[in-house]
Protein backbone atom coordinates (compact mmCIF):
# COMPACT_ATOMS: atom_id res chain seq x y z
CA MET A 1 58.63 -33.18 37.93
CA ASP A 2 61.58 -35.39 38.77
CA ALA A 3 62.54 -34.84 42.41
CA LEU A 4 66.16 -35.70 41.58
CA THR A 5 66.50 -32.73 39.26
CA GLU A 6 64.36 -30.15 41.05
CA GLN A 7 65.99 -27.06 42.46
CA SER A 8 64.72 -24.36 44.78
CA LEU A 9 65.00 -20.81 43.48
CA VAL A 10 64.67 -17.80 45.78
CA VAL A 11 62.41 -15.19 44.16
CA ALA A 12 62.32 -11.55 45.26
CA LEU A 13 60.06 -9.56 42.92
CA CYS A 14 57.14 -7.12 43.31
CA GLY A 15 57.75 -6.95 47.05
CA GLN A 16 57.23 -10.73 47.29
CA HIS A 17 59.67 -13.31 48.61
CA PHE A 18 59.07 -17.02 48.04
CA MET A 19 60.70 -20.28 46.99
CA LEU A 20 60.07 -21.63 43.51
CA ARG A 21 60.64 -25.30 42.76
CA THR A 22 62.03 -25.50 39.24
CA ARG A 23 63.83 -28.01 37.03
CA PRO A 24 66.14 -28.12 33.99
CA GLY A 25 64.90 -28.43 30.45
CA PHE A 26 64.40 -24.85 29.27
CA ALA A 27 66.43 -21.66 29.02
CA GLY A 28 66.53 -19.61 32.22
CA TRP A 29 65.05 -22.40 34.32
CA ASP A 30 67.13 -21.59 37.42
CA VAL A 31 67.32 -17.77 37.45
CA VAL A 32 65.28 -14.64 37.96
CA THR A 33 66.29 -12.91 34.76
CA PRO A 34 67.07 -9.19 34.38
CA THR A 35 64.03 -8.83 32.11
CA MET A 36 61.77 -10.25 34.84
CA ALA A 37 63.18 -7.69 37.27
CA LEU A 38 62.68 -4.87 34.76
CA LEU A 39 59.08 -5.84 34.11
CA ALA A 40 58.38 -6.14 37.83
CA ASP A 41 59.79 -2.65 38.45
CA ALA A 42 57.83 -1.26 35.49
CA LEU A 43 54.54 -2.35 37.08
CA PRO A 44 54.84 -0.90 40.60
CA GLN A 45 51.16 -1.29 41.62
CA PRO A 46 49.86 -4.65 40.40
CA ARG A 47 47.12 -5.04 43.03
CA GLY A 48 43.68 -5.38 41.45
CA ARG A 49 45.01 -5.45 37.90
CA ARG A 50 44.28 -8.06 35.24
CA VAL A 51 47.66 -8.96 33.82
CA GLY A 52 48.78 -11.15 30.94
CA VAL A 53 52.35 -12.45 30.81
CA LEU A 54 53.74 -13.67 27.49
CA GLY A 55 57.08 -15.41 27.89
CA ALA A 56 56.58 -16.37 31.53
CA GLY A 57 59.68 -18.62 31.68
CA ASN A 58 59.87 -20.42 35.02
CA GLY A 59 56.94 -18.35 36.27
CA ALA A 60 58.74 -16.26 38.88
CA LEU A 61 57.31 -12.96 37.61
CA ALA A 62 53.76 -14.25 37.15
CA LEU A 63 53.72 -15.75 40.64
CA ALA A 64 55.16 -12.57 42.20
CA LEU A 65 52.51 -10.42 40.48
CA ALA A 66 49.77 -12.72 41.78
CA GLY A 67 51.26 -12.55 45.28
CA ALA A 68 51.11 -8.75 45.03
CA GLY A 69 47.39 -8.85 44.26
CA ALA A 70 47.12 -9.12 40.48
CA THR A 71 45.00 -11.64 38.60
CA VAL A 72 47.39 -13.22 36.12
CA TRP A 73 47.17 -15.21 32.91
CA ALA A 74 50.57 -16.56 31.88
CA TYR A 75 51.97 -18.31 28.82
CA THR A 76 55.32 -19.85 28.05
CA PRO A 77 55.87 -21.81 24.83
CA HIS A 78 57.89 -24.55 26.55
CA VAL A 79 56.11 -27.61 27.96
CA VAL A 80 58.59 -28.13 30.83
CA ALA A 81 58.41 -24.46 31.85
CA THR A 82 54.62 -24.72 31.82
CA ALA A 83 54.77 -27.71 34.16
CA VAL A 84 57.05 -25.81 36.55
CA LEU A 85 54.71 -22.80 36.60
CA ASP A 86 51.58 -24.92 36.91
CA ALA A 87 52.96 -26.86 39.88
CA ALA A 88 54.18 -23.69 41.59
CA ALA A 89 50.87 -21.90 41.11
CA ARG A 90 49.06 -24.80 42.79
CA ALA A 91 51.60 -25.05 45.62
CA LEU A 92 51.38 -21.31 46.34
CA ALA A 93 47.62 -21.12 45.72
CA ALA A 94 48.43 -18.25 43.36
CA ASP A 95 45.81 -16.54 41.22
CA VAL A 96 47.60 -17.55 38.01
CA THR A 97 45.88 -19.18 35.05
CA VAL A 98 48.53 -21.07 33.07
CA LEU A 99 47.76 -21.10 29.34
CA ARG A 100 49.20 -23.35 26.65
CA THR A 101 48.31 -21.41 23.51
CA THR A 102 48.30 -17.93 22.02
CA THR A 103 44.93 -18.58 20.39
CA PRO A 104 42.81 -15.57 21.46
CA ASP A 105 39.77 -17.63 22.45
CA ALA A 106 41.75 -19.10 25.36
CA TRP A 107 42.54 -15.67 26.78
CA PRO A 108 40.37 -13.11 28.61
CA ALA A 109 39.50 -9.78 27.04
CA ASP A 110 40.10 -6.31 28.44
CA LEU A 111 43.39 -6.95 30.23
CA ASP A 112 44.85 -3.95 32.03
CA VAL A 113 48.43 -4.86 31.22
CA VAL A 114 50.22 -7.33 28.97
CA LEU A 115 53.88 -8.01 29.79
CA ILE A 116 56.05 -9.41 26.98
CA ASP A 117 59.44 -10.95 27.72
CA ILE A 118 60.46 -11.27 24.09
CA PRO A 119 61.16 -14.69 22.54
CA PRO A 120 64.27 -15.33 20.41
CA ARG A 121 62.63 -14.89 17.00
CA ARG A 122 61.22 -11.62 15.71
CA ARG A 123 58.17 -13.14 14.00
CA GLU A 124 57.16 -14.80 17.26
CA THR A 125 57.49 -11.45 19.03
CA GLN A 126 55.23 -9.94 16.36
CA ARG A 127 52.66 -12.67 17.02
CA TRP A 128 52.72 -11.88 20.75
CA LEU A 129 52.40 -8.15 20.07
CA ALA A 130 49.41 -8.78 17.83
CA LEU A 131 47.79 -10.85 20.58
CA ALA A 132 48.48 -8.13 23.16
CA ALA A 133 46.82 -5.51 20.97
CA LEU A 134 43.74 -7.72 20.75
CA LEU A 135 43.52 -8.48 24.47
CA LEU A 136 44.18 -5.06 26.00
CA ALA A 137 41.42 -2.86 27.38
CA PRO A 138 41.10 0.53 25.63
CA ASP A 139 43.14 2.17 28.39
CA GLY A 140 45.54 -0.77 28.82
CA HIS A 141 49.30 -0.91 28.48
CA CYS A 142 51.80 -3.29 26.91
CA LEU A 143 55.24 -3.56 28.52
CA VAL A 144 57.97 -5.04 26.32
CA ALA A 145 61.32 -6.19 27.71
CA GLY A 146 64.36 -7.96 26.34
CA ALA A 147 68.13 -8.00 26.05
CA ASN A 148 70.09 -5.88 23.61
CA ASP A 149 71.63 -8.99 22.06
CA ALA A 150 68.32 -10.87 21.93
CA GLY A 151 66.38 -8.58 19.59
CA ILE A 152 64.89 -5.94 21.86
CA GLN A 153 65.51 -3.08 19.41
CA PRO A 154 63.57 -4.71 16.52
CA ALA A 155 60.87 -5.67 19.04
CA LEU A 156 60.52 -2.06 20.19
CA ARG A 157 60.31 -0.89 16.59
CA ASP A 158 57.57 -3.42 15.90
CA ALA A 159 55.69 -2.39 19.04
CA THR A 160 55.97 1.25 18.02
CA ALA A 161 54.56 0.41 14.58
CA LEU A 162 51.60 -1.25 16.27
CA PHE A 163 50.90 0.97 19.30
CA GLY A 164 52.62 4.27 18.68
CA ALA A 165 55.49 5.92 20.53
CA ALA A 166 57.30 4.06 23.30
CA THR A 167 57.86 5.30 26.84
CA PRO A 168 61.24 3.93 28.02
CA LEU A 169 60.96 2.66 31.60
CA GLY A 170 64.28 1.10 32.50
CA LEU A 171 67.66 -0.27 31.51
CA ARG A 172 69.56 -2.94 33.43
CA ARG A 173 72.40 -5.31 32.58
CA ARG A 174 72.09 -4.65 28.84
CA CYS A 175 68.33 -5.23 28.95
CA ARG A 176 65.59 -2.65 28.56
CA VAL A 177 61.84 -2.25 29.00
CA ALA A 178 59.36 0.19 27.45
CA ARG A 179 55.64 0.89 27.79
CA PHE A 180 53.15 1.16 24.95
CA ASP A 181 49.62 2.49 25.40
CA ALA A 182 46.61 0.87 23.76
CA ALA A 183 45.04 4.31 23.48
CA GLY A 184 48.15 5.87 21.96
CA ALA A 185 48.18 7.75 18.69
CA ARG A 186 48.80 4.91 16.26
CA PRO A 187 50.46 5.18 12.88
CA ALA A 188 49.15 3.11 9.99
CA LEU A 189 49.01 -0.51 11.13
CA PRO A 190 52.05 -2.58 10.10
CA GLY A 191 51.69 -4.98 7.20
CA TRP A 192 52.82 -7.97 9.27
CA LEU A 193 49.87 -7.67 11.64
CA HIS A 194 47.55 -9.80 9.52
CA GLU A 195 50.11 -12.21 8.06
CA PRO A 196 49.21 -15.90 8.47
CA GLY A 197 51.06 -17.21 11.51
CA ILE A 198 51.34 -13.75 13.07
CA ALA A 199 47.67 -12.82 13.15
CA PRO A 200 46.37 -14.16 16.48
CA GLY A 201 45.17 -17.74 16.24
CA SER A 202 46.34 -18.21 12.64
CA LEU A 203 48.77 -20.67 11.08
CA HIS A 204 51.04 -20.27 8.09
CA ARG A 205 50.23 -22.91 5.46
CA TRP A 206 52.22 -23.92 2.40
CA SER A 207 52.84 -26.93 0.17
CA ALA A 208 55.92 -28.97 -0.57
CA ARG A 209 56.48 -31.83 -2.98
CA LEU A 210 58.37 -34.93 -1.86
CA GLY A 211 58.74 -37.15 -4.90
CA ASP A 212 55.19 -37.99 -5.95
CA VAL A 213 53.69 -36.75 -2.68
CA ALA A 214 52.26 -33.24 -2.36
CA LEU A 215 52.38 -32.33 1.32
CA SER A 216 50.42 -29.55 3.02
CA ILE A 217 52.42 -28.06 5.91
CA CYS A 218 51.10 -25.86 8.73
CA SER A 219 53.30 -23.89 11.08
CA GLN A 220 53.69 -20.70 13.10
CA PRO A 221 56.53 -18.56 14.49
CA GLY A 222 58.38 -20.29 17.29
CA VAL A 223 58.48 -23.61 15.39
CA PHE A 224 61.67 -24.75 13.68
CA ALA A 225 61.57 -23.91 9.95
CA ASP A 226 58.19 -22.25 10.35
CA ASP A 227 57.99 -20.98 6.76
CA HIS A 228 59.81 -23.61 4.67
CA LEU A 229 60.68 -27.30 4.50
CA ASP A 230 64.28 -27.51 5.67
CA ASP A 231 66.63 -29.68 3.63
CA ALA A 232 67.52 -32.07 6.47
CA THR A 233 63.87 -32.89 7.13
CA ARG A 234 63.35 -33.31 3.37
CA MET A 235 66.20 -35.82 3.18
CA LEU A 236 64.80 -37.97 5.97
CA ALA A 237 61.22 -37.70 4.71
CA GLU A 238 62.26 -38.79 1.21
CA LEU A 239 64.14 -41.76 2.68
CA VAL A 240 60.98 -42.85 4.56
CA LEU A 241 58.93 -42.54 1.36
CA ALA A 242 61.48 -44.60 -0.60
CA GLN A 243 61.31 -47.56 1.78
CA PRO A 244 58.71 -50.35 1.98
CA ARG A 245 55.27 -49.55 3.35
CA LEU A 246 54.93 -49.09 7.10
CA ASP A 247 51.42 -50.54 7.36
CA GLY A 248 50.39 -50.83 11.00
CA LEU A 249 53.83 -50.09 12.44
CA ALA A 250 54.00 -47.91 15.54
CA ALA A 251 56.14 -44.87 14.71
CA ALA A 252 57.18 -41.93 16.88
CA ASP A 253 58.29 -38.51 15.68
CA LEU A 254 60.45 -37.28 18.57
CA GLY A 255 60.66 -33.49 18.57
CA CYS A 256 58.03 -33.40 15.84
CA GLY A 257 58.13 -29.68 15.04
CA ASN A 258 55.46 -28.98 12.44
CA GLY A 259 54.83 -32.71 12.01
CA VAL A 260 56.25 -33.32 8.55
CA LEU A 261 58.10 -36.56 9.36
CA ALA A 262 55.16 -38.11 11.22
CA THR A 263 52.77 -37.10 8.44
CA VAL A 264 54.96 -38.79 5.84
CA ALA A 265 55.11 -41.93 7.99
CA ALA A 266 51.32 -41.85 8.39
CA LEU A 267 50.89 -41.55 4.61
CA CYS A 268 53.06 -44.70 4.36
CA GLY A 269 50.65 -46.53 6.69
CA ALA A 270 52.26 -46.11 10.11
CA GLN A 271 50.36 -45.47 13.33
CA VAL A 272 52.07 -42.27 14.42
CA THR A 273 52.75 -40.57 17.73
CA LEU A 274 54.12 -37.02 17.72
CA LEU A 275 56.06 -35.67 20.72
CA ASP A 276 57.42 -32.20 21.40
CA VAL A 277 58.21 -29.75 24.22
CA SER A 278 56.86 -26.75 22.29
CA TRP A 279 53.21 -25.73 22.43
CA PRO A 280 53.43 -23.89 19.07
CA ALA A 281 54.96 -27.00 17.48
CA LEU A 282 52.23 -29.25 18.83
CA GLU A 283 49.53 -26.93 17.45
CA ALA A 284 51.24 -26.89 14.06
CA ALA A 285 51.74 -30.66 14.02
CA ARG A 286 48.06 -31.33 14.69
CA ALA A 287 47.12 -29.03 11.85
CA THR A 288 49.64 -30.63 9.46
CA LEU A 289 48.26 -34.10 10.16
CA LEU A 290 44.71 -32.90 9.59
CA ALA A 291 45.61 -30.99 6.42
CA ASN A 292 46.93 -34.23 4.88
CA GLY A 293 44.02 -36.42 5.96
CA CYS A 294 46.09 -38.24 8.59
CA VAL A 295 45.46 -39.14 12.22
CA GLY A 296 47.85 -39.61 15.11
CA ARG A 297 48.55 -38.92 18.76
CA VAL A 298 50.06 -35.51 19.41
CA LEU A 299 51.49 -35.32 22.92
CA ALA A 300 53.27 -32.70 24.99
CA SER A 301 56.29 -34.60 26.27
CA ASP A 302 59.87 -34.04 27.40
CA GLY A 303 61.41 -36.83 25.38
CA PHE A 304 59.32 -39.96 25.98
CA ALA A 305 58.25 -38.90 29.49
CA ALA A 306 54.56 -39.00 28.52
CA LEU A 307 54.87 -42.63 27.36
CA PRO A 308 56.63 -44.69 30.05
CA GLY A 309 57.02 -48.30 28.99
CA GLU A 310 55.79 -47.78 25.42
CA HIS A 311 57.87 -49.03 22.49
CA PHE A 312 57.98 -48.24 18.77
CA ALA A 313 59.03 -50.04 15.62
CA LEU A 314 60.27 -46.78 14.12
CA ILE A 315 61.49 -43.55 15.71
CA LEU A 316 62.18 -40.49 13.57
CA LEU A 317 64.43 -37.73 14.89
CA ASN A 318 65.86 -34.46 13.63
CA PRO A 319 67.53 -33.38 16.90
CA PRO A 320 68.03 -29.71 17.74
CA PHE A 321 71.61 -28.60 18.25
CA HIS A 322 71.13 -25.02 19.45
CA THR A 323 70.23 -23.61 22.84
CA ASP A 324 69.18 -20.04 22.15
CA GLN A 325 72.02 -18.81 19.90
CA GLN A 326 74.67 -21.30 21.01
CA THR A 327 75.59 -24.64 19.43
CA ASP A 328 74.72 -27.40 21.88
CA THR A 329 75.25 -31.04 20.94
CA GLY A 330 74.54 -32.34 24.44
CA LEU A 331 70.82 -32.91 23.91
CA ALA A 332 71.14 -35.35 21.00
CA PRO A 333 72.89 -38.16 22.95
CA GLN A 334 70.17 -37.92 25.60
CA LEU A 335 67.55 -38.36 22.88
CA PHE A 336 69.49 -41.29 21.43
CA ARG A 337 69.50 -43.06 24.80
CA ALA A 338 65.81 -42.35 25.33
CA SER A 339 65.05 -43.68 21.85
CA ARG A 340 67.00 -46.86 22.54
CA ALA A 341 64.91 -47.45 25.67
CA HIS A 342 61.66 -47.00 23.72
CA LEU A 343 62.58 -48.93 20.59
CA ALA A 344 61.08 -52.36 19.97
CA PRO A 345 63.63 -55.24 19.83
CA ASP A 346 63.46 -55.28 16.03
CA GLY A 347 62.88 -51.57 15.66
CA ARG A 348 65.02 -48.81 14.22
CA LEU A 349 65.87 -45.17 14.81
CA LEU A 350 66.33 -42.84 11.84
CA VAL A 351 68.26 -39.66 12.67
CA VAL A 352 69.09 -36.80 10.32
CA ALA A 353 71.77 -34.28 11.26
CA ASN A 354 74.26 -31.84 9.84
CA ALA A 355 77.23 -33.76 8.49
CA PHE A 356 79.71 -31.96 10.76
CA LEU A 357 77.98 -33.06 13.98
CA PRO A 358 79.73 -35.98 15.76
CA TYR A 359 76.65 -38.14 16.24
CA GLY A 360 77.99 -41.41 14.84
CA ALA A 361 79.99 -42.22 17.96
CA ALA A 362 77.14 -41.28 20.27
CA LEU A 363 74.78 -43.58 18.37
CA ARG A 364 77.23 -46.47 18.35
CA ALA A 365 77.60 -46.10 22.12
CA CYS A 366 73.99 -47.19 22.67
CA PHE A 367 73.00 -49.15 19.54
CA GLY A 368 74.29 -52.45 18.21
CA ARG A 369 74.30 -51.49 14.54
CA VAL A 370 74.58 -48.02 12.98
CA THR A 371 74.61 -47.38 9.23
CA VAL A 372 74.35 -44.31 6.99
CA PRO A 373 71.72 -45.02 4.31
CA ARG A 374 71.78 -41.49 2.85
CA GLN A 375 74.04 -38.47 2.94
CA ASP A 376 75.25 -35.50 0.97
CA ARG A 377 77.74 -32.70 1.54
CA ARG A 378 75.58 -31.05 4.23
CA TYR A 379 73.49 -33.76 5.91
CA ARG A 380 73.63 -37.37 6.96
CA VAL A 381 70.93 -39.88 7.87
CA PHE A 382 71.84 -42.54 10.43
CA GLU A 383 69.90 -45.77 10.87
CA ALA A 384 70.41 -47.31 14.31
CA ARG A 385 69.18 -50.70 15.48
CA PRO A 386 69.47 -52.44 18.87
C-alpha cells in the first residue's frame, strides 16, 4: 500500500478496539459501515466459532471477529480491499484467512456462521447465498445484512427462498440484518440456485459474433455486463478487428472485465496482458481467453501498479463511470494519465465511452494527438497517442 494515501481507521466492534490501516480505491474504504455494526451485534458470542464473511470490505468486521476468538475466512471481490485486509491480518496476527474467490474448493466446509454484507447486484447476492448454503454446517446460520436502498429486501426474499423463514435481528440507519438457519424448514429450492454463474464455482458462458469472428465469452455476477456483450465494448472490439494485424505487439486491457477486448487483440496476434481490480472479473477473463484458444497474463492490479516500468504498444480501455449507483467521471482521467505513463513512444490508447462523457478534454490534457476513429449516437472511440 502507498504510505502517502494510507489512513488509520478506529474500529470498535465485537468488544474489540484496534486501528486499521486502510487506503482509498474501493467503496467504504474509510468507514465502519452500519451493516458491519449490525452483523457484529447479530453474532454476540463469536469465540470458538468458524465464521465466513462474504463482502468483507476493508476487513474491520472480520478482524474484530477474529480478535473476539472466532476463526474467520473472509472474501471481498475488490483487489485493493483484499490487500488492505491481508496486510491488517498480518499486522494484527489475526486468525483470518483472506480468500480471493467464491469457488467452493477454496473454502472450508461446515462453517458455523456465514455473514453476508450484500453486494450491489442481486445476482451476485444469489451467488453468495448459494455458496453459504453449501458451506454451512447442518446446524449453521447465515446472517444477511444490507441497506434498504441497496437491495436488502430482494436479498432477504432470495435468502428465504433458499433457507426458509427469516428471523429479523436488527435495524439501524436504514439498514437491516436477518438470520437464516441451515436446518430450517425449506420451501422448494429456487430456480436460480443452479443457474450458470450463480451455482457455486460456475461461470455463465455465451457466444457473440463480431464480424467474421465467433467469440466465446465467460462471466459471472459482479462483472460488468456479466450476461451480454455491451454495445460500447462491441464497438471497440470491432474497431480492433478492422485494423491491421497486431502480430507480436504488447497490448494491455486495462480494467479487462470478462476479457473480451484482450481476447480480440490476442486473436489479432497481440501479446496481451489483462488487468483488473475485481477478482470475479479476473476469473472470467482467464476463462474467456482459454475458451477462445488464447493465452495472456491476467493480473490483479490497481491500474498498472502490478507492472511498474512496463510499456505497451496498445492499451485498450472501457473506463467505468459509476461508483455504486452514482455517476463518477473522476476515475477515467486517472486511468488516462496512468496509460500515458505506460504507453510506448509510438504506442496508442484506444478508449470507448458514452458519447455524453467529457473525456476528449481529459485525453488531450495528457496526449499529443487525440482523434475519434469511430462513433455513433451513443458511444465514441478515442485514439490517443503521445
